[in-house]
PDB file of N, CA and C in Angstrom:
ATOM      1  N   MET A   1      21.413 101.289  82.761  1.00  0.00           N
ATOM      2  CA  MET A   1      21.252 100.828  84.124  1.00  0.00           C
ATOM      3  C   MET A   1      19.779 100.742  84.500  1.00  0.00           C
ATOM      4  N   ILE A   2      19.030 101.803  84.158  1.00  0.00           N
ATOM      5  CA  ILE A   2      17.599 101.814  84.465  1.00  0.00           C
ATOM      6  C   ILE A   2      16.877 100.748  83.660  1.00  0.00           C
ATOM      7  N   CYS A   3      17.276 100.568  82.423  1.00  0.00           N
ATOM      8  CA  CYS A   3      16.644  99.536  81.591  1.00  0.00           C
ATOM      9  C   CYS A   3      16.913  98.148  82.157  1.00  0.00           C
ATOM     10  N   THR A   4      18.137  97.917  82.638  1.00  0.00           N
ATOM     11  CA  THR A   4      18.472  96.618  83.212  1.00  0.00           C
ATOM     12  C   THR A   4      17.661  96.354  84.457  1.00  0.00           C
ATOM     13  N   LEU A   5      17.522  97.363  85.330  1.00  0.00           N
ATOM     14  CA  LEU A   5      16.724  97.191  86.545  1.00  0.00           C
ATOM     15  C   LEU A   5      15.252  96.954  86.212  1.00  0.00           C
ATOM     16  N   THR A   6      14.745  97.670  85.235  1.00  0.00           N
ATOM     17  CA  THR A   6      13.358  97.477  84.826  1.00  0.00           C
ATOM     18  C   THR A   6      13.142  96.072  84.288  1.00  0.00           C
ATOM     19  N   PHE A   7      14.087  95.597  83.482  1.00  0.00           N
ATOM     20  CA  PHE A   7      13.981  94.253  82.941  1.00  0.00           C
ATOM     21  C   PHE A   7      14.017  93.211  84.053  1.00  0.00           C
ATOM     22  N   ILE A   8      14.918  93.356  85.002  1.00  0.00           N
ATOM     23  CA  ILE A   8      15.031  92.386  86.102  1.00  0.00           C
ATOM     24  C   ILE A   8      13.760  92.394  86.954  1.00  0.00           C
ATOM     25  N   LEU A   9      13.236  93.587  87.262  1.00  0.00           N
ATOM     26  CA  LEU A   9      12.018  93.659  88.070  1.00  0.00           C
ATOM     27  C   LEU A   9      10.819  93.070  87.338  1.00  0.00           C
ATOM     28  N   SER A  10      10.703  93.362  86.054  1.00  0.00           N
ATOM     29  CA  SER A  10       9.574  92.810  85.304  1.00  0.00           C
ATOM     30  C   SER A  10       9.699  91.306  85.173  1.00  0.00           C
ATOM     31  N   PHE A  11      10.924  90.791  85.037  1.00  0.00           N
ATOM     32  CA  PHE A  11      11.110  89.351  84.968  1.00  0.00           C
ATOM     33  C   PHE A  11      10.739  88.699  86.291  1.00  0.00           C
ATOM     34  N   GLN A  12      11.128  89.317  87.401  1.00  0.00           N
ATOM     35  CA  GLN A  12      10.798  88.771  88.722  1.00  0.00           C
ATOM     36  C   GLN A  12       9.292  88.767  88.943  1.00  0.00           C
ATOM     37  N   LEU A  13       8.632  89.829  88.538  1.00  0.00           N
ATOM     38  CA  LEU A  13       7.180  89.889  88.690  1.00  0.00           C
ATOM     39  C   LEU A  13       6.487  88.846  87.823  1.00  0.00           C
ATOM     40  N   SER A  14       6.965  88.668  86.612  1.00  0.00           N
ATOM     41  CA  SER A  14       6.333  87.688  85.736  1.00  0.00           C
ATOM     42  C   SER A  14       6.521  86.275  86.260  1.00  0.00           C
ATOM     43  N   VAL A  15       7.689  85.987  86.844  1.00  0.00           N
ATOM     44  CA  VAL A  15       7.922  84.657  87.410  1.00  0.00           C
ATOM     45  C   VAL A  15       7.034  84.437  88.624  1.00  0.00           C
ATOM     46  N   SER A  16       6.874  85.477  89.446  1.00  0.00           N
ATOM     47  CA  SER A  16       6.039  85.308  90.634  1.00  0.00           C
ATOM     48  C   SER A  16       4.573  85.137  90.262  1.00  0.00           C
ATOM     49  N   PHE A  17       4.105  85.816  89.205  1.00  0.00           N
ATOM     50  CA  PHE A  17       2.723  85.625  88.766  1.00  0.00           C
ATOM     51  C   PHE A  17       2.547  84.285  88.067  1.00  0.00           C
ATOM     52  N   ALA A  18       3.562  83.810  87.384  1.00  0.00           N
ATOM     53  CA  ALA A  18       3.447  82.541  86.674  1.00  0.00           C
ATOM     54  C   ALA A  18       3.381  81.364  87.628  1.00  0.00           C
ATOM     55  N   LYS A  19       3.861  81.540  88.849  1.00  0.00           N
ATOM     56  CA  LYS A  19       3.832  80.444  89.805  1.00  0.00           C
ATOM     57  C   LYS A  19       2.435  80.167  90.341  1.00  0.00           C
ATOM     58  N   SER A  20       1.539  81.131  90.214  1.00  0.00           N
ATOM     59  CA  SER A  20       0.189  80.877  90.706  1.00  0.00           C
ATOM     60  C   SER A  20      -0.447  79.771  89.872  1.00  0.00           C
ATOM     61  N   ASP A  21      -1.330  79.017  90.483  1.00  0.00           N
ATOM     62  CA  ASP A  21      -1.891  77.834  89.843  1.00  0.00           C
ATOM     63  C   ASP A  21      -2.641  78.162  88.557  1.00  0.00           C
ATOM     64  N   LYS A  22      -3.597  79.041  88.670  1.00  0.00           N
ATOM     65  CA  LYS A  22      -4.419  79.311  87.501  1.00  0.00           C
ATOM     66  C   LYS A  22      -4.947  80.731  87.574  1.00  0.00           C
ATOM     67  N   TRP A  23      -4.910  81.386  86.453  1.00  0.00           N
ATOM     68  CA  TRP A  23      -5.490  82.727  86.384  1.00  0.00           C
ATOM     69  C   TRP A  23      -6.933  82.542  85.982  1.00  0.00           C
ATOM     70  N   THR A  24      -7.796  83.105  86.751  1.00  0.00           N
ATOM     71  CA  THR A  24      -9.209  82.994  86.421  1.00  0.00           C
ATOM     72  C   THR A  24      -9.670  84.269  85.764  1.00  0.00           C
ATOM     73  N   GLY A  25     -10.548  84.124  84.805  1.00  0.00           N
ATOM     74  CA  GLY A  25     -11.075  85.278  84.112  1.00  0.00           C
ATOM     75  C   GLY A  25     -12.252  85.863  84.863  1.00  0.00           C
ATOM     76  N   VAL A  26     -12.805  86.897  84.294  1.00  0.00           N
ATOM     77  CA  VAL A  26     -13.947  87.564  84.912  1.00  0.00           C
ATOM     78  C   VAL A  26     -15.140  86.624  84.945  1.00  0.00           C
ATOM     79  N   ASP A  27     -15.274  85.794  83.917  1.00  0.00           N
ATOM     80  CA  ASP A  27     -16.393  84.857  83.887  1.00  0.00           C
ATOM     81  C   ASP A  27     -16.383  83.936  85.104  1.00  0.00           C
ATOM     82  N   GLU A  28     -15.209  83.391  85.403  1.00  0.00           N
ATOM     83  CA  GLU A  28     -15.132  82.446  86.516  1.00  0.00           C
ATOM     84  C   GLU A  28     -15.120  83.147  87.861  1.00  0.00           C
ATOM     85  N   SER A  29     -14.361  84.215  87.983  1.00  0.00           N
ATOM     86  CA  SER A  29     -14.174  84.830  89.293  1.00  0.00           C
ATOM     87  C   SER A  29     -15.342  85.711  89.721  1.00  0.00           C
ATOM     88  N   VAL A  30     -16.049  86.298  88.804  1.00  0.00           N
ATOM     89  CA  VAL A  30     -17.108  87.230  89.187  1.00  0.00           C
ATOM     90  C   VAL A  30     -18.484  86.713  88.781  1.00  0.00           C
ATOM     91  N   VAL A  31     -18.654  86.439  87.494  1.00  0.00           N
ATOM     92  CA  VAL A  31     -19.986  86.097  86.986  1.00  0.00           C
ATOM     93  C   VAL A  31     -20.472  84.772  87.566  1.00  0.00           C
ATOM     94  N   GLU A  32     -19.627  83.735  87.514  1.00  0.00           N
ATOM     95  CA  GLU A  32     -20.048  82.439  88.038  1.00  0.00           C
ATOM     96  C   GLU A  32     -20.258  82.491  89.548  1.00  0.00           C
ATOM     97  N   LYS A  33     -19.464  83.272  90.234  1.00  0.00           N
ATOM     98  CA  LYS A  33     -19.609  83.392  91.686  1.00  0.00           C
ATOM     99  C   LYS A  33     -20.978  83.949  92.048  1.00  0.00           C
ATOM    100  N   TYR A  34     -21.359  85.028  91.416  1.00  0.00           N
ATOM    101  CA  TYR A  34     -22.655  85.642  91.723  1.00  0.00           C
ATOM    102  C   TYR A  34     -23.807  84.816  91.181  1.00  0.00           C
ATOM    103  N   ALA A  35     -23.594  84.131  90.056  1.00  0.00           N
ATOM    104  CA  ALA A  35     -24.649  83.268  89.518  1.00  0.00           C
ATOM    105  C   ALA A  35     -24.935  82.119  90.470  1.00  0.00           C
ATOM    106  N   GLU A  36     -23.886  81.523  91.031  1.00  0.00           N
ATOM    107  CA  GLU A  36     -24.090  80.433  91.989  1.00  0.00           C
ATOM    108  C   GLU A  36     -24.737  80.934  93.268  1.00  0.00           C
ATOM    109  N   GLU A  37     -24.410  82.152  93.674  1.00  0.00           N
ATOM    110  CA  GLU A  37     -25.051  82.721  94.866  1.00  0.00           C
ATOM    111  C   GLU A  37     -26.548  82.896  94.672  1.00  0.00           C
ATOM    112  N   HIS A  38     -26.959  83.122  93.431  1.00  0.00           N
ATOM    113  CA  HIS A  38     -28.374  83.334  93.146  1.00  0.00           C
ATOM    114  C   HIS A  38     -29.046  82.093  92.573  1.00  0.00           C
ATOM    115  N   GLY A  39     -28.375  80.946  92.696  1.00  0.00           N
ATOM    116  CA  GLY A  39     -28.999  79.686  92.325  1.00  0.00           C
ATOM    117  C   GLY A  39     -28.914  79.298  90.873  1.00  0.00           C
ATOM    118  N   ARG A  40     -28.065  79.903  90.123  1.00  0.00           N
ATOM    119  CA  ARG A  40     -27.892  79.553  88.704  1.00  0.00           C
ATOM    120  C   ARG A  40     -26.560  78.834  88.541  1.00  0.00           C
ATOM    121  N   LYS A  41     -26.537  77.862  87.653  1.00  0.00           N
ATOM    122  CA  LYS A  41     -25.304  77.142  87.364  1.00  0.00           C
ATOM    123  C   LYS A  41     -24.815  77.522  85.976  1.00  0.00           C
ATOM    124  N   ALA A  42     -23.509  77.391  85.786  1.00  0.00           N
ATOM    125  CA  ALA A  42     -22.934  77.659  84.472  1.00  0.00           C
ATOM    126  C   ALA A  42     -23.367  76.569  83.519  1.00  0.00           C
ATOM    127  N   TRP A  43     -23.652  76.942  82.297  1.00  0.00           N
ATOM    128  CA  TRP A  43     -24.078  75.979  81.302  1.00  0.00           C
ATOM    129  C   TRP A  43     -23.132  76.033  80.112  1.00  0.00           C
ATOM    130  N   THR A  44     -23.101  74.950  79.385  1.00  0.00           N
ATOM    131  CA  THR A  44     -22.219  74.858  78.222  1.00  0.00           C
ATOM    132  C   THR A  44     -22.896  75.545  77.037  1.00  0.00           C
ATOM    133  N   PRO A  45     -22.218  76.441  76.369  1.00  0.00           N
ATOM    134  CA  PRO A  45     -22.842  77.119  75.235  1.00  0.00           C
ATOM    135  C   PRO A  45     -23.056  76.152  74.070  1.00  0.00           C
ATOM    136  N   PHE A  46     -23.980  76.495  73.205  1.00  0.00           N
ATOM    137  CA  PHE A  46     -24.264  75.637  72.049  1.00  0.00           C
ATOM    138  C   PHE A  46     -23.057  75.540  71.127  1.00  0.00           C
ATOM    139  N   ILE A  47     -22.406  76.655  70.906  1.00  0.00           N
ATOM    140  CA  ILE A  47     -21.181  76.670  70.097  1.00  0.00           C
ATOM    141  C   ILE A  47     -20.054  77.074  71.023  1.00  0.00           C
ATOM    142  N   ASN A  48     -19.213  76.125  71.371  1.00  0.00           N
ATOM    143  CA  ASN A  48     -18.132  76.393  72.308  1.00  0.00           C
ATOM    144  C   ASN A  48     -16.936  76.954  71.544  1.00  0.00           C
ATOM    145  N   THR A  49     -16.667  78.235  71.744  1.00  0.00           N
ATOM    146  CA  THR A  49     -15.568  78.878  71.024  1.00  0.00           C
ATOM    147  C   THR A  49     -14.251  78.794  71.781  1.00  0.00           C
ATOM    148  N   ASP A  50     -14.250  78.137  72.928  1.00  0.00           N
ATOM    149  CA  ASP A  50     -13.011  78.008  73.688  1.00  0.00           C
ATOM    150  C   ASP A  50     -12.083  76.950  73.107  1.00  0.00           C
ATOM    151  N   GLN A  51     -12.612  76.098  72.276  1.00  0.00           N
ATOM    152  CA  GLN A  51     -11.801  75.025  71.716  1.00  0.00           C
ATOM    153  C   GLN A  51     -11.474  75.324  70.265  1.00  0.00           C
ATOM    154  N   GLY A  52     -10.243  75.062  69.903  1.00  0.00           N
ATOM    155  CA  GLY A  52      -9.841  75.243  68.516  1.00  0.00           C
ATOM    156  C   GLY A  52      -9.744  76.702  68.128  1.00  0.00           C
ATOM    157  N   ASP A  53      -9.830  76.933  66.843  1.00  0.00           N
ATOM    158  CA  ASP A  53      -9.680  78.278  66.302  1.00  0.00           C
ATOM    159  C   ASP A  53     -10.998  78.829  65.776  1.00  0.00           C
ATOM    160  N   LEU A  54     -12.111  78.373  66.326  1.00  0.00           N
ATOM    161  CA  LEU A  54     -13.405  78.830  65.843  1.00  0.00           C
ATOM    162  C   LEU A  54     -13.592  80.321  66.067  1.00  0.00           C
ATOM    163  N   LEU A  55     -13.212  80.806  67.226  1.00  0.00           N
ATOM    164  CA  LEU A  55     -13.354  82.239  67.517  1.00  0.00           C
ATOM    165  C   LEU A  55     -12.475  83.067  66.588  1.00  0.00           C
ATOM    166  N   LEU A  56     -11.269  82.595  66.323  1.00  0.00           N
ATOM    167  CA  LEU A  56     -10.379  83.280  65.392  1.00  0.00           C
ATOM    168  C   LEU A  56     -10.983  83.313  63.991  1.00  0.00           C
ATOM    169  N   PHE A  57     -11.597  82.208  63.588  1.00  0.00           N
ATOM    170  CA  PHE A  57     -12.238  82.148  62.276  1.00  0.00           C
ATOM    171  C   PHE A  57     -13.411  83.120  62.196  1.00  0.00           C
ATOM    172  N   VAL A  58     -14.183  83.203  63.260  1.00  0.00           N
ATOM    173  CA  VAL A  58     -15.323  84.129  63.287  1.00  0.00           C
ATOM    174  C   VAL A  58     -14.823  85.572  63.173  1.00  0.00           C
ATOM    175  N   PHE A  59     -13.752  85.926  63.887  1.00  0.00           N
ATOM    176  CA  PHE A  59     -13.184  87.264  63.778  1.00  0.00           C
ATOM    177  C   PHE A  59     -12.649  87.517  62.372  1.00  0.00           C
ATOM    178  N   LEU A  60     -12.077  86.506  61.742  1.00  0.00           N
ATOM    179  CA  LEU A  60     -11.576  86.647  60.377  1.00  0.00           C
ATOM    180  C   LEU A  60     -12.716  86.953  59.419  1.00  0.00           C
ATOM    181  N   ILE A  61     -13.808  86.211  59.518  1.00  0.00           N
ATOM    182  CA  ILE A  61     -14.954  86.427  58.629  1.00  0.00           C
ATOM    183  C   ILE A  61     -15.558  87.809  58.877  1.00  0.00           C
ATOM    184  N   ALA A  62     -15.699  88.188  60.149  1.00  0.00           N
ATOM    185  CA  ALA A  62     -16.266  89.502  60.467  1.00  0.00           C
ATOM    186  C   ALA A  62     -15.358  90.622  59.962  1.00  0.00           C
ATOM    187  N   GLY A  63     -14.050  90.453  60.083  1.00  0.00           N
ATOM    188  CA  GLY A  63     -13.113  91.456  59.588  1.00  0.00           C
ATOM    189  C   GLY A  63     -13.158  91.572  58.079  1.00  0.00           C
ATOM    190  N   ALA A  64     -13.270  90.443  57.394  1.00  0.00           N
ATOM    191  CA  ALA A  64     -13.349  90.471  55.934  1.00  0.00           C
ATOM    192  C   ALA A  64     -14.639  91.140  55.481  1.00  0.00           C
ATOM    193  N   ALA A  65     -15.746  90.821  56.130  1.00  0.00           N
ATOM    194  CA  ALA A  65     -17.022  91.435  55.764  1.00  0.00           C
ATOM    195  C   ALA A  65     -17.003  92.933  56.062  1.00  0.00           C
ATOM    196  N   GLY A  66     -16.461  93.309  57.203  1.00  0.00           N
ATOM    197  CA  GLY A  66     -16.370  94.730  57.548  1.00  0.00           C
ATOM    198  C   GLY A  66     -15.456  95.483  56.598  1.00  0.00           C
ATOM    199  N   GLY A  67     -14.354  94.865  56.199  1.00  0.00           N
ATOM    200  CA  GLY A  67     -13.444  95.486  55.250  1.00  0.00           C
ATOM    201  C   GLY A  67     -14.084  95.673  53.886  1.00  0.00           C
ATOM    202  N   PHE A  68     -14.877  94.687  53.474  1.00  0.00           N
ATOM    203  CA  PHE A  68     -15.577  94.811  52.199  1.00  0.00           C
ATOM    204  C   PHE A  68     -16.569  95.961  52.245  1.00  0.00           C
ATOM    205  N   VAL A  69     -17.342  96.051  53.311  1.00  0.00           N
ATOM    206  CA  VAL A  69     -18.343  97.115  53.434  1.00  0.00           C
ATOM    207  C   VAL A  69     -17.655  98.481  53.501  1.00  0.00           C
ATOM    208  N   ALA A  70     -16.567  98.571  54.268  1.00  0.00           N
ATOM    209  CA  ALA A  70     -15.854  99.845  54.382  1.00  0.00           C
ATOM    210  C   ALA A  70     -15.249 100.243  53.040  1.00  0.00           C
ATOM    211  N   GLY A  71     -14.651  99.302  52.322  1.00  0.00           N
ATOM    212  CA  GLY A  71     -14.077  99.596  51.022  1.00  0.00           C
ATOM    213  C   GLY A  71     -15.120 100.003  50.004  1.00  0.00           C
ATOM    214  N   TYR A  72     -16.253  99.303  49.992  1.00  0.00           N
ATOM    215  CA  TYR A  72     -17.316  99.646  49.058  1.00  0.00           C
ATOM    216  C   TYR A  72     -17.881 101.030  49.369  1.00  0.00           C
ATOM    217  N   SER A  73     -18.043 101.331  50.661  1.00  0.00           N
ATOM    218  CA  SER A  73     -18.553 102.650  51.053  1.00  0.00           C
ATOM    219  C   SER A  73     -17.566 103.747  50.687  1.00  0.00           C
ATOM    220  N   TRP A  74     -16.290 103.473  50.875  1.00  0.00           N
ATOM    221  CA  TRP A  74     -15.254 104.452  50.515  1.00  0.00           C
ATOM    222  C   TRP A  74     -15.268 104.710  49.011  1.00  0.00           C
ATOM    223  N   LYS A  75     -15.425 103.657  48.226  1.00  0.00           N
ATOM    224  CA  LYS A  75     -15.475 103.799  46.777  1.00  0.00           C
ATOM    225  C   LYS A  75     -16.682 104.635  46.368  1.00  0.00           C
ATOM    226  N   LYS A  76     -17.829 104.347  46.963  1.00  0.00           N
ATOM    227  CA  LYS A  76     -19.034 105.119  46.641  1.00  0.00           C
ATOM    228  C   LYS A  76     -18.853 106.583  47.046  1.00  0.00           C
ATOM    229  N   LEU A  77     -18.246 106.820  48.196  1.00  0.00           N
ATOM    230  CA  LEU A  77     -18.027 108.183  48.671  1.00  0.00           C
ATOM    231  C   LEU A  77     -17.091 108.936  47.740  1.00  0.00           C
ATOM    232  N   MET A  78     -16.015 108.299  47.278  1.00  0.00           N
ATOM    233  CA  MET A  78     -15.059 108.960  46.405  1.00  0.00           C
ATOM    234  C   MET A  78     -15.627 109.146  45.012  1.00  0.00           C
ATOM    235  N   ASP A  79     -16.502 108.264  44.550  1.00  0.00           N
ATOM    236  CA  ASP A  79     -17.131 108.446  43.242  1.00  0.00           C
ATOM    237  C   ASP A  79     -18.037 109.664  43.236  1.00  0.00           C
ATOM    238  N   LEU A  80     -18.661 109.958  44.359  1.00  0.00           N
ATOM    239  CA  LEU A  80     -19.559 111.111  44.421  1.00  0.00           C
ATOM    240  C   LEU A  80     -18.792 112.424  44.416  1.00  0.00           C
ATOM    241  N   LYS A  81     -17.572 112.429  44.922  1.00  0.00           N
ATOM    242  CA  LYS A  81     -16.805 113.663  45.019  1.00  0.00           C
ATOM    243  C   LYS A  81     -16.071 114.012  43.729  1.00  0.00           C
ATOM    244  N   GLN A  82     -15.858 113.051  42.831  1.00  0.00           N
ATOM    245  CA  GLN A  82     -15.124 113.332  41.604  1.00  0.00           C
ATOM    246  C   GLN A  82     -16.013 114.106  40.628  1.00  0.00           C
ATOM    247  N   PRO A  83     -15.470 115.101  39.988  1.00  0.00           N
ATOM    248  CA  PRO A  83     -16.277 115.848  39.020  1.00  0.00           C
ATOM    249  C   PRO A  83     -16.578 114.982  37.805  1.00  0.00           C
ATOM    250  N   ASP A  84     -17.664 115.277  37.178  1.00  0.00           N
ATOM    251  CA  ASP A  84     -18.075 114.514  36.005  1.00  0.00           C
ATOM    252  C   ASP A  84     -17.278 115.013  34.801  1.00  0.00           C
ATOM    253  N   THR A  85     -16.322 114.225  34.346  1.00  0.00           N
ATOM    254  CA  THR A  85     -15.435 114.651  33.271  1.00  0.00           C
ATOM    255  C   THR A  85     -16.101 114.511  31.905  1.00  0.00           C
ATOM    256  N   LYS A  86     -17.106 113.682  31.770  1.00  0.00           N
ATOM    257  CA  LYS A  86     -17.755 113.493  30.474  1.00  0.00           C
ATOM    258  C   LYS A  86     -18.473 114.766  30.025  1.00  0.00           C
ATOM    259  N   LYS A  87     -19.099 115.464  30.947  1.00  0.00           N
ATOM    260  CA  LYS A  87     -19.804 116.690  30.591  1.00  0.00           C
ATOM    261  C   LYS A  87     -18.826 117.756  30.128  1.00  0.00           C
ATOM    262  N   ASP A  88     -17.657 117.826  30.767  1.00  0.00           N
ATOM    263  CA  ASP A  88     -16.662 118.821  30.394  1.00  0.00           C
ATOM    264  C   ASP A  88     -16.138 118.556  28.992  1.00  0.00           C
ATOM    265  N   ASP A  89     -15.962 117.283  28.608  1.00  0.00           N
ATOM    266  CA  ASP A  89     -15.467 116.953  27.267  1.00  0.00           C
ATOM    267  C   ASP A  89     -16.482 117.327  26.200  1.00  0.00           C
ATOM    268  N   THR A  90     -17.734 117.082  26.473  1.00  0.00           N
ATOM    269  CA  THR A  90     -18.752 117.400  25.468  1.00  0.00           C
ATOM    270  C   THR A  90     -18.893 118.904  25.288  1.00  0.00           C
ATOM    271  N   LYS A  91     -18.754 119.663  26.370  1.00  0.00           N
ATOM    272  CA  LYS A  91     -18.834 121.116  26.267  1.00  0.00           C
ATOM    273  C   LYS A  91     -17.660 121.664  25.471  1.00  0.00           C
ATOM    274  N   ALA A  92     -16.494 121.080  25.669  1.00  0.00           N
ATOM    275  CA  ALA A  92     -15.312 121.545  24.952  1.00  0.00           C
ATOM    276  C   ALA A  92     -15.448 121.279  23.459  1.00  0.00           C
ATOM    277  N   ASP A  93     -16.061 120.155  23.088  1.00  0.00           N
ATOM    278  CA  ASP A  93     -16.268 119.844  21.681  1.00  0.00           C
ATOM    279  C   ASP A  93     -17.328 120.744  21.053  1.00  0.00           C
ATOM    280  N   ALA A  94     -18.282 121.185  21.836  1.00  0.00           N
ATOM    281  CA  ALA A  94     -19.374 121.985  21.298  1.00  0.00           C
ATOM    282  C   ALA A  94     -18.963 123.436  21.029  1.00  0.00           C
ATOM    283  N   LEU A  95     -17.875 123.879  21.634  1.00  0.00           N
ATOM    284  CA  LEU A  95     -17.459 125.261  21.431  1.00  0.00           C
ATOM    285  C   LEU A  95     -16.883 125.452  20.030  1.00  0.00           C
ATOM    286  N   PRO A  96     -17.190 126.572  19.405  1.00  0.00           N
ATOM    287  CA  PRO A  96     -16.618 126.825  18.069  1.00  0.00           C
ATOM    288  C   PRO A  96     -15.139 127.169  18.162  1.00  0.00           C
ATOM    289  N   HIS A  97     -14.408 126.711  17.193  1.00  0.00           N
ATOM    290  CA  HIS A  97     -12.957 126.967  17.173  1.00  0.00           C
ATOM    291  C   HIS A  97     -12.616 128.125  16.309  1.00  0.00           C
TER     292      HIS A  97
END
């Protein structure tokens, strides 16, 4: 019963918010407002990431590079913690039987 009421209320709220014309982001509602008050106009960026999947591609490349660095660092860290097994083998061979 509570789940049904929650679902109905959330659906009603989502429909009422969806009816508004346009949701403005912080850039439009706050930054541009104050910039215009101080005599600055919005300008088009050199690389417009609002179109297409350019921003997604940039995040993909950054994630891949970060994953590579993290993996390489983890490998280096784990290599330092492993005991040197070659020295132990040579010592065992050097002992008289």
